[in-house]
PDB file of N, CA and C in Angstrom:
ATOM      1  N   MET A   1       2.342  13.574   4.623  1.00  0.00           N
ATOM      2  CA  MET A   1       1.685  13.812   3.338  1.00  0.00           C
ATOM      3  C   MET A   1       1.206  15.303   3.352  1.00  0.00           C
ATOM      4  N   SER A   2       1.528  15.992   2.302  1.00  0.00           N
ATOM      5  CA  SER A   2       1.089  17.404   2.169  1.00  0.00           C
ATOM      6  C   SER A   2      -0.256  17.465   1.500  1.00  0.00           C
ATOM      7  N   GLU A   3      -1.077  18.498   1.851  1.00  0.00           N
ATOM      8  CA  GLU A   3      -2.327  18.717   1.185  1.00  0.00           C
ATOM      9  C   GLU A   3      -2.372  20.134   0.674  1.00  0.00           C
ATOM     10  N   TYR A   4      -2.946  20.324  -0.500  1.00  0.00           N
ATOM     11  CA  TYR A   4      -3.032  21.631  -1.137  1.00  0.00           C
ATOM     12  C   TYR A   4      -4.466  21.829  -1.699  1.00  0.00           C
ATOM     13  N   VAL A   5      -4.823  23.030  -1.815  1.00  0.00           N
ATOM     14  CA  VAL A   5      -6.174  23.351  -2.435  1.00  0.00           C
ATOM     15  C   VAL A   5      -5.892  23.968  -3.781  1.00  0.00           C
ATOM     16  N   GLY A   6      -6.479  23.376  -4.820  1.00  0.00           N
ATOM     17  CA  GLY A   6      -6.357  23.923  -6.162  1.00  0.00           C
ATOM     18  C   GLY A   6      -7.729  24.420  -6.625  1.00  0.00           C
ATOM     19  N   LYS A   7      -7.777  24.888  -7.845  1.00  0.00           N
ATOM     20  CA  LYS A   7      -9.038  25.381  -8.406  1.00  0.00           C
ATOM     21  C   LYS A   7      -9.229  24.779  -9.791  1.00  0.00           C
ATOM     22  N   VAL A   8     -10.512  24.735 -10.158  1.00  0.00           N
ATOM     23  CA  VAL A   8     -10.833  24.333 -11.533  1.00  0.00           C
ATOM     24  C   VAL A   8     -11.359  25.549 -12.264  1.00  0.00           C
ATOM     25  N   GLY A   9     -10.735  25.842 -13.396  1.00  0.00           N
ATOM     26  CA  GLY A   9     -11.129  27.026 -14.191  1.00  0.00           C
ATOM     27  C   GLY A   9     -12.413  26.753 -14.941  1.00  0.00           C
ATOM     28  N   LYS A  10     -12.889  27.864 -15.610  1.00  0.00           N
ATOM     29  CA  LYS A  10     -14.164  27.825 -16.410  1.00  0.00           C
ATOM     30  C   LYS A  10     -14.127  26.808 -17.466  1.00  0.00           C
ATOM     31  N   LYS A  11     -12.967  26.559 -18.109  1.00  0.00           N
ATOM     32  CA  LYS A  11     -12.856  25.626 -19.169  1.00  0.00           C
ATOM     33  C   LYS A  11     -12.323  24.200 -18.697  1.00  0.00           C
ATOM     34  N   GLY A  12     -12.377  24.005 -17.382  1.00  0.00           N
ATOM     35  CA  GLY A  12     -11.959  22.720 -16.811  1.00  0.00           C
ATOM     36  C   GLY A  12     -10.503  22.621 -16.541  1.00  0.00           C
ATOM     37  N   GLU A  13      -9.716  23.751 -16.681  1.00  0.00           N
ATOM     38  CA  GLU A  13      -8.295  23.713 -16.356  1.00  0.00           C
ATOM     39  C   GLU A  13      -8.098  23.430 -14.888  1.00  0.00           C
ATOM     40  N   LEU A  14      -7.054  22.690 -14.572  1.00  0.00           N
ATOM     41  CA  LEU A  14      -6.714  22.408 -13.135  1.00  0.00           C
ATOM     42  C   LEU A  14      -5.603  23.366 -12.755  1.00  0.00           C
ATOM     43  N   TYR A  15      -5.840  24.226 -11.797  1.00  0.00           N
ATOM     44  CA  TYR A  15      -4.850  25.154 -11.299  1.00  0.00           C
ATOM     45  C   TYR A  15      -4.287  24.640  -9.962  1.00  0.00           C
ATOM     46  N   MET A  16      -2.962  24.459  -9.967  1.00  0.00           N
ATOM     47  CA  MET A  16      -2.255  23.943  -8.731  1.00  0.00           C
ATOM     48  C   MET A  16      -1.539  25.051  -8.089  1.00  0.00           C
ATOM     49  N   PRO A  17      -1.463  25.109  -6.800  1.00  0.00           N
ATOM     50  CA  PRO A  17      -0.658  26.128  -6.114  1.00  0.00           C
ATOM     51  C   PRO A  17       0.825  25.960  -6.464  1.00  0.00           C
ATOM     52  N   ALA A  18       1.563  27.069  -6.466  1.00  0.00           N
ATOM     53  CA  ALA A  18       2.978  27.032  -6.808  1.00  0.00           C
ATOM     54  C   ALA A  18       3.759  26.091  -5.855  1.00  0.00           C
ATOM     55  N   GLU A  19       3.368  26.073  -4.587  1.00  0.00           N
ATOM     56  CA  GLU A  19       4.053  25.206  -3.605  1.00  0.00           C
ATOM     57  C   GLU A  19       3.938  23.721  -4.015  1.00  0.00           C
ATOM     58  N   LEU A  20       2.782  23.327  -4.472  1.00  0.00           N
ATOM     59  CA  LEU A  20       2.574  21.939  -4.915  1.00  0.00           C
ATOM     60  C   LEU A  20       3.433  21.627  -6.108  1.00  0.00           C
ATOM     61  N   ARG A  21       3.408  22.520  -7.081  1.00  0.00           N
ATOM     62  CA  ARG A  21       4.251  22.327  -8.331  1.00  0.00           C
ATOM     63  C   ARG A  21       5.714  22.220  -7.967  1.00  0.00           C
ATOM     64  N   ALA A  22       6.162  23.048  -6.991  1.00  0.00           N
ATOM     65  CA  ALA A  22       7.552  23.047  -6.606  1.00  0.00           C
ATOM     66  C   ALA A  22       7.901  21.707  -5.831  1.00  0.00           C
ATOM     67  N   GLU A  23       6.984  21.265  -5.001  1.00  0.00           N
ATOM     68  CA  GLU A  23       7.239  20.044  -4.249  1.00  0.00           C
ATOM     69  C   GLU A  23       7.386  18.767  -5.111  1.00  0.00           C
ATOM     70  N   ILE A  24       6.640  18.713  -6.179  1.00  0.00           N
ATOM     71  CA  ILE A  24       6.754  17.539  -7.066  1.00  0.00           C
ATOM     72  C   ILE A  24       7.649  17.827  -8.307  1.00  0.00           C
ATOM     73  N   GLY A  25       8.186  19.045  -8.374  1.00  0.00           N
ATOM     74  CA  GLY A  25       9.155  19.361  -9.454  1.00  0.00           C
ATOM     75  C   GLY A  25       8.475  19.592 -10.790  1.00  0.00           C
ATOM     76  N   LEU A  26       7.246  20.060 -10.784  1.00  0.00           N
ATOM     77  CA  LEU A  26       6.501  20.322 -12.007  1.00  0.00           C
ATOM     78  C   LEU A  26       6.712  21.748 -12.548  1.00  0.00           C
ATOM     79  N   ASN A  27       7.207  21.847 -13.736  1.00  0.00           N
ATOM     80  CA  ASN A  27       7.559  23.094 -14.359  1.00  0.00           C
ATOM     81  C   ASN A  27       6.618  23.371 -15.542  1.00  0.00           C
ATOM     82  N   PRO A  28       6.476  24.651 -15.956  1.00  0.00           N
ATOM     83  CA  PRO A  28       5.658  24.940 -17.126  1.00  0.00           C
ATOM     84  C   PRO A  28       6.024  24.064 -18.339  1.00  0.00           C
ATOM     85  N   GLY A  29       5.043  23.457 -18.952  1.00  0.00           N
ATOM     86  CA  GLY A  29       5.255  22.626 -20.131  1.00  0.00           C
ATOM     87  C   GLY A  29       5.490  21.147 -19.800  1.00  0.00           C
ATOM     88  N   ASP A  30       5.677  20.820 -18.496  1.00  0.00           N
ATOM     89  CA  ASP A  30       5.841  19.420 -18.118  1.00  0.00           C
ATOM     90  C   ASP A  30       4.540  18.653 -18.259  1.00  0.00           C
ATOM     91  N   ASP A  31       4.616  17.395 -18.522  1.00  0.00           N
ATOM     92  CA  ASP A  31       3.459  16.506 -18.449  1.00  0.00           C
ATOM     93  C   ASP A  31       3.287  15.992 -17.025  1.00  0.00           C
ATOM     94  N   PHE A  32       2.025  15.636 -16.655  1.00  0.00           N
ATOM     95  CA  PHE A  32       1.840  14.991 -15.390  1.00  0.00           C
ATOM     96  C   PHE A  32       0.733  13.944 -15.601  1.00  0.00           C
ATOM     97  N   LEU A  33       0.802  12.945 -14.677  1.00  0.00           N
ATOM     98  CA  LEU A  33      -0.118  11.823 -14.772  1.00  0.00           C
ATOM     99  C   LEU A  33      -1.080  11.919 -13.601  1.00  0.00           C
ATOM    100  N   VAL A  34      -2.367  11.745 -13.932  1.00  0.00           N
ATOM    101  CA  VAL A  34      -3.365  11.767 -12.901  1.00  0.00           C
ATOM    102  C   VAL A  34      -4.059  10.403 -12.871  1.00  0.00           C
ATOM    103  N   THR A  35      -4.034   9.744 -11.685  1.00  0.00           N
ATOM    104  CA  THR A  35      -4.661   8.489 -11.501  1.00  0.00           C
ATOM    105  C   THR A  35      -5.791   8.592 -10.509  1.00  0.00           C
ATOM    106  N   ILE A  36      -6.911   7.905 -10.789  1.00  0.00           N
ATOM    107  CA  ILE A  36      -7.995   7.921  -9.902  1.00  0.00           C
ATOM    108  C   ILE A  36      -7.840   6.777  -8.895  1.00  0.00           C
ATOM    109  N   GLY A  37      -7.729   7.097  -7.665  1.00  0.00           N
ATOM    110  CA  GLY A  37      -7.534   6.072  -6.605  1.00  0.00           C
ATOM    111  C   GLY A  37      -8.787   5.948  -5.697  1.00  0.00           C
ATOM    112  N   MET A  38      -8.696   5.136  -4.717  1.00  0.00           N
ATOM    113  CA  MET A  38      -9.842   4.906  -3.818  1.00  0.00           C
ATOM    114  C   MET A  38     -10.152   6.177  -3.028  1.00  0.00           C
ATOM    115  N   GLU A  39      -9.175   7.001  -2.727  1.00  0.00           N
ATOM    116  CA  GLU A  39      -9.433   8.170  -1.948  1.00  0.00           C
ATOM    117  C   GLU A  39      -9.434   9.424  -2.738  1.00  0.00           C
ATOM    118  N   GLY A  40      -9.268   9.396  -4.035  1.00  0.00           N
ATOM    119  CA  GLY A  40      -9.290  10.596  -4.866  1.00  0.00           C
ATOM    120  C   GLY A  40      -8.247  10.524  -5.997  1.00  0.00           C
ATOM    121  N   LEU A  41      -7.736  11.645  -6.370  1.00  0.00           N
ATOM    122  CA  LEU A  41      -6.768  11.741  -7.450  1.00  0.00           C
ATOM    123  C   LEU A  41      -5.362  11.695  -6.947  1.00  0.00           C
ATOM    124  N   ILE A  42      -4.502  10.990  -7.701  1.00  0.00           N
ATOM    125  CA  ILE A  42      -3.103  10.961  -7.443  1.00  0.00           C
ATOM    126  C   ILE A  42      -2.417  11.635  -8.623  1.00  0.00           C
ATOM    127  N   VAL A  43      -1.587  12.670  -8.285  1.00  0.00           N
ATOM    128  CA  VAL A  43      -0.945  13.415  -9.330  1.00  0.00           C
ATOM    129  C   VAL A  43       0.571  13.148  -9.290  1.00  0.00           C
ATOM    130  N   LYS A  44       1.157  12.735 -10.386  1.00  0.00           N
ATOM    131  CA  LYS A  44       2.586  12.447 -10.494  1.00  0.00           C
ATOM    132  C   LYS A  44       3.197  13.227 -11.648  1.00  0.00           C
ATOM    133  N   LYS A  45       4.403  13.641 -11.502  1.00  0.00           N
ATOM    134  CA  LYS A  45       5.096  14.296 -12.578  1.00  0.00           C
ATOM    135  C   LYS A  45       5.383  13.270 -13.662  1.00  0.00           C
ATOM    136  N   GLY A  46       5.197  13.630 -14.919  1.00  0.00           N
ATOM    137  CA  GLY A  46       5.556  12.761 -16.022  1.00  0.00           C
ATOM    138  C   GLY A  46       7.023  12.629 -16.170  1.00  0.00           C
ATOM    139  N   LYS A  47       7.429  11.500 -16.655  1.00  0.00           N
ATOM    140  CA  LYS A  47       8.896  11.262 -16.811  1.00  0.00           C
ATOM    141  C   LYS A  47       9.342  11.687 -18.204  1.00  0.00           C
ATOM    142  N   LYS A  48      10.502  12.304 -18.241  1.00  0.00           N
ATOM    143  CA  LYS A  48      11.162  12.673 -19.502  1.00  0.00           C
ATOM    144  C   LYS A  48      12.193  11.589 -19.781  1.00  0.00           C
ATOM    145  N   ILE A  49      12.668  11.574 -21.015  1.00  0.00           N
ATOM    146  CA  ILE A  49      13.678  10.551 -21.413  1.00  0.00           C
ATOM    147  C   ILE A  49      14.910  10.701 -20.513  1.00  0.00           C
ATOM    148  N   SER A  50      15.253  11.917 -20.162  1.00  0.00           N
ATOM    149  CA  SER A  50      16.407  12.106 -19.292  1.00  0.00           C
ATOM    150  C   SER A  50      16.230  11.464 -17.909  1.00  0.00           C
ATOM    151  N   ASP A  51      14.975  11.504 -17.420  1.00  0.00           N
ATOM    152  CA  ASP A  51      14.677  10.846 -16.135  1.00  0.00           C
ATOM    153  C   ASP A  51      14.813   9.326 -16.261  1.00  0.00           C
ATOM    154  N   LEU A  52      14.265   8.794 -17.386  1.00  0.00           N
ATOM    155  CA  LEU A  52      14.363   7.355 -17.601  1.00  0.00           C
ATOM    156  C   LEU A  52      15.805   6.858 -17.746  1.00  0.00           C
ATOM    157  N   LEU A  53      16.632   7.665 -18.363  1.00  0.00           N
ATOM    158  CA  LEU A  53      18.045   7.262 -18.536  1.00  0.00           C
ATOM    159  C   LEU A  53      18.829   7.187 -17.210  1.00  0.00           C
ATOM    160  N   MET A  54      18.326   7.903 -16.169  1.00  0.00           N
ATOM    161  CA  MET A  54      18.974   7.935 -14.903  1.00  0.00           C
ATOM    162  C   MET A  54      18.535   6.777 -14.003  1.00  0.00           C
ATOM    163  N   GLU A  55      17.403   6.070 -14.375  1.00  0.00           N
ATOM    164  CA  GLU A  55      16.945   4.951 -13.598  1.00  0.00           C
ATOM    165  C   GLU A  55      17.692   3.658 -13.853  1.00  0.00           C
ATOM    166  N   GLU A  56      17.619   2.767 -12.900  1.00  0.00           N
ATOM    167  CA  GLU A  56      18.258   1.421 -13.141  1.00  0.00           C
ATOM    168  C   GLU A  56      17.563   0.741 -14.275  1.00  0.00           C
ATOM    169  N   PRO A  57      18.326   0.076 -15.109  1.00  0.00           N
ATOM    170  CA  PRO A  57      17.729  -0.637 -16.250  1.00  0.00           C
ATOM    171  C   PRO A  57      16.881  -1.791 -15.774  1.00  0.00           C
ATOM    172  N   ILE A  58      15.827  -2.032 -16.522  1.00  0.00           N
ATOM    173  CA  ILE A  58      14.904  -3.186 -16.198  1.00  0.00           C
ATOM    174  C   ILE A  58      15.431  -4.470 -16.914  1.00  0.00           C
ATOM    175  N   ALA A  59      16.322  -4.309 -17.849  1.00  0.00           N
ATOM    176  CA  ALA A  59      16.899  -5.481 -18.554  1.00  0.00           C
ATOM    177  C   ALA A  59      18.259  -5.061 -19.175  1.00  0.00           C
ATOM    178  N   LYS A  60      19.103  -6.019 -19.295  1.00  0.00           N
ATOM    179  CA  LYS A  60      20.395  -5.726 -19.900  1.00  0.00           C
ATOM    180  C   LYS A  60      20.479  -6.608 -21.149  1.00  0.00           C
ATOM    181  N   VAL A  61      20.814  -5.995 -22.299  1.00  0.00           N
ATOM    182  CA  VAL A  61      20.887  -6.687 -23.555  1.00  0.00           C
ATOM    183  C   VAL A  61      22.250  -6.383 -24.216  1.00  0.00           C
ATOM    184  N   THR A  62      22.883  -7.405 -24.717  1.00  0.00           N
ATOM    185  CA  THR A  62      24.160  -7.170 -25.400  1.00  0.00           C
ATOM    186  C   THR A  62      23.899  -6.708 -26.822  1.00  0.00           C
ATOM    187  N   GLY A  63      25.011  -6.174 -27.420  1.00  0.00           N
ATOM    188  CA  GLY A  63      24.855  -5.760 -28.822  1.00  0.00           C
ATOM    189  C   GLY A  63      24.551  -6.921 -29.755  1.00  0.00           C
ATOM    190  N   LYS A  64      25.105  -8.080 -29.460  1.00  0.00           N
ATOM    191  CA  LYS A  64      24.801  -9.229 -30.236  1.00  0.00           C
ATOM    192  C   LYS A  64      23.307  -9.629 -30.158  1.00  0.00           C
ATOM    193  N   GLU A  65      22.787  -9.628 -28.916  1.00  0.00           N
ATOM    194  CA  GLU A  65      21.368  -9.913 -28.741  1.00  0.00           C
ATOM    195  C   GLU A  65      20.474  -8.910 -29.512  1.00  0.00           C
ATOM    196  N   MET A  66      20.818  -7.639 -29.447  1.00  0.00           N
ATOM    197  CA  MET A  66      20.102  -6.613 -30.170  1.00  0.00           C
ATOM    198  C   MET A  66      20.097  -6.870 -31.642  1.00  0.00           C
ATOM    199  N   GLY A  67      21.212  -7.276 -32.151  1.00  0.00           N
ATOM    200  CA  GLY A  67      21.318  -7.599 -33.622  1.00  0.00           C
ATOM    201  C   GLY A  67      20.386  -8.731 -34.003  1.00  0.00           C
ATOM    202  N   GLU A  68      20.332  -9.772 -33.118  1.00  0.00           N
ATOM    203  CA  GLU A  68      19.467 -10.897 -33.377  1.00  0.00           C
ATOM    204  C   GLU A  68      17.994 -10.478 -33.297  1.00  0.00           C
ATOM    205  N   ILE A  69      17.643  -9.681 -32.369  1.00  0.00           N
ATOM    206  CA  ILE A  69      16.262  -9.185 -32.207  1.00  0.00           C
ATOM    207  C   ILE A  69      15.926  -8.327 -33.465  1.00  0.00           C
ATOM    208  N   ARG A  70      16.832  -7.516 -33.889  1.00  0.00           N
ATOM    209  CA  ARG A  70      16.533  -6.689 -35.083  1.00  0.00           C
ATOM    210  C   ARG A  70      16.297  -7.511 -36.294  1.00  0.00           C
ATOM    211  N   LYS A  71      17.096  -8.592 -36.497  1.00  0.00           N
ATOM    212  CA  LYS A  71      16.892  -9.474 -37.648  1.00  0.00           C
ATOM    213  C   LYS A  71      15.553 -10.094 -37.591  1.00  0.00           C
ATOM    214  N   GLU A  72      15.145 -10.556 -36.401  1.00  0.00           N
ATOM    215  CA  GLU A  72      13.814 -11.222 -36.247  1.00  0.00           C
ATOM    216  C   GLU A  72      12.689 -10.187 -36.592  1.00  0.00           C
ATOM    217  N   LEU A  73      12.848  -9.004 -36.077  1.00  0.00           N
ATOM    218  CA  LEU A  73      11.786  -7.950 -36.415  1.00  0.00           C
ATOM    219  C   LEU A  73      11.762  -7.597 -37.877  1.00  0.00           C
ATOM    220  N   GLU A  74      12.898  -7.484 -38.486  1.00  0.00           N
ATOM    221  CA  GLU A  74      12.955  -7.221 -39.929  1.00  0.00           C
ATOM    222  C   GLU A  74      12.240  -8.299 -40.727  1.00  0.00           C
ATOM    223  N   LYS A  75      12.547  -9.514 -40.355  1.00  0.00           N
ATOM    224  CA  LYS A  75      11.927 -10.700 -41.004  1.00  0.00           C
ATOM    225  C   LYS A  75      10.397 -10.628 -40.844  1.00  0.00           C
ATOM    226  N   GLU A  76       9.952 -10.386 -39.650  1.00  0.00           N
ATOM    227  CA  GLU A  76       8.531 -10.324 -39.332  1.00  0.00           C
ATOM    228  C   GLU A  76       7.831  -9.197 -40.138  1.00  0.00           C
ATOM    229  N   ILE A  77       8.463  -8.017 -40.257  1.00  0.00           N
ATOM    230  CA  ILE A  77       7.912  -6.918 -40.993  1.00  0.00           C
ATOM    231  C   ILE A  77       7.810  -7.271 -42.515  1.00  0.00           C
ATOM    232  N   ILE A  78       8.853  -7.913 -43.042  1.00  0.00           N
ATOM    233  CA  ILE A  78       8.877  -8.219 -44.501  1.00  0.00           C
ATOM    234  C   ILE A  78       7.748  -9.236 -44.768  1.00  0.00           C
ATOM    235  N   GLU A  79       7.513 -10.179 -43.863  1.00  0.00           N
ATOM    236  CA  GLU A  79       6.512 -11.213 -44.078  1.00  0.00           C
ATOM    237  C   GLU A  79       5.071 -10.701 -44.000  1.00  0.00           C
ATOM    238  N   ARG A  80       4.878  -9.501 -43.464  1.00  0.00           N
ATOM    239  CA  ARG A  80       3.572  -8.979 -43.395  1.00  0.00           C
ATOM    240  C   ARG A  80       3.135  -8.445 -44.735  1.00  0.00           C
TER     241      ARG A  80
END
């Protein structure tokens, strides 16, 4: 596990060392997720749609099933 020292700016900005950003693949404009854990903060790079498309699917749905789901949703929306 790597450790880095960052700084907090006057307006509360979090400044991370370039080595840390490079290690987790964080580039200017990227989103990142910060979770508070038992031992401190956990920083993870946010996922882009392109990252999600490269992951294994969590479910497989056929075109027919999607059509049925769409009809159900349309019906539900109209009834509201």
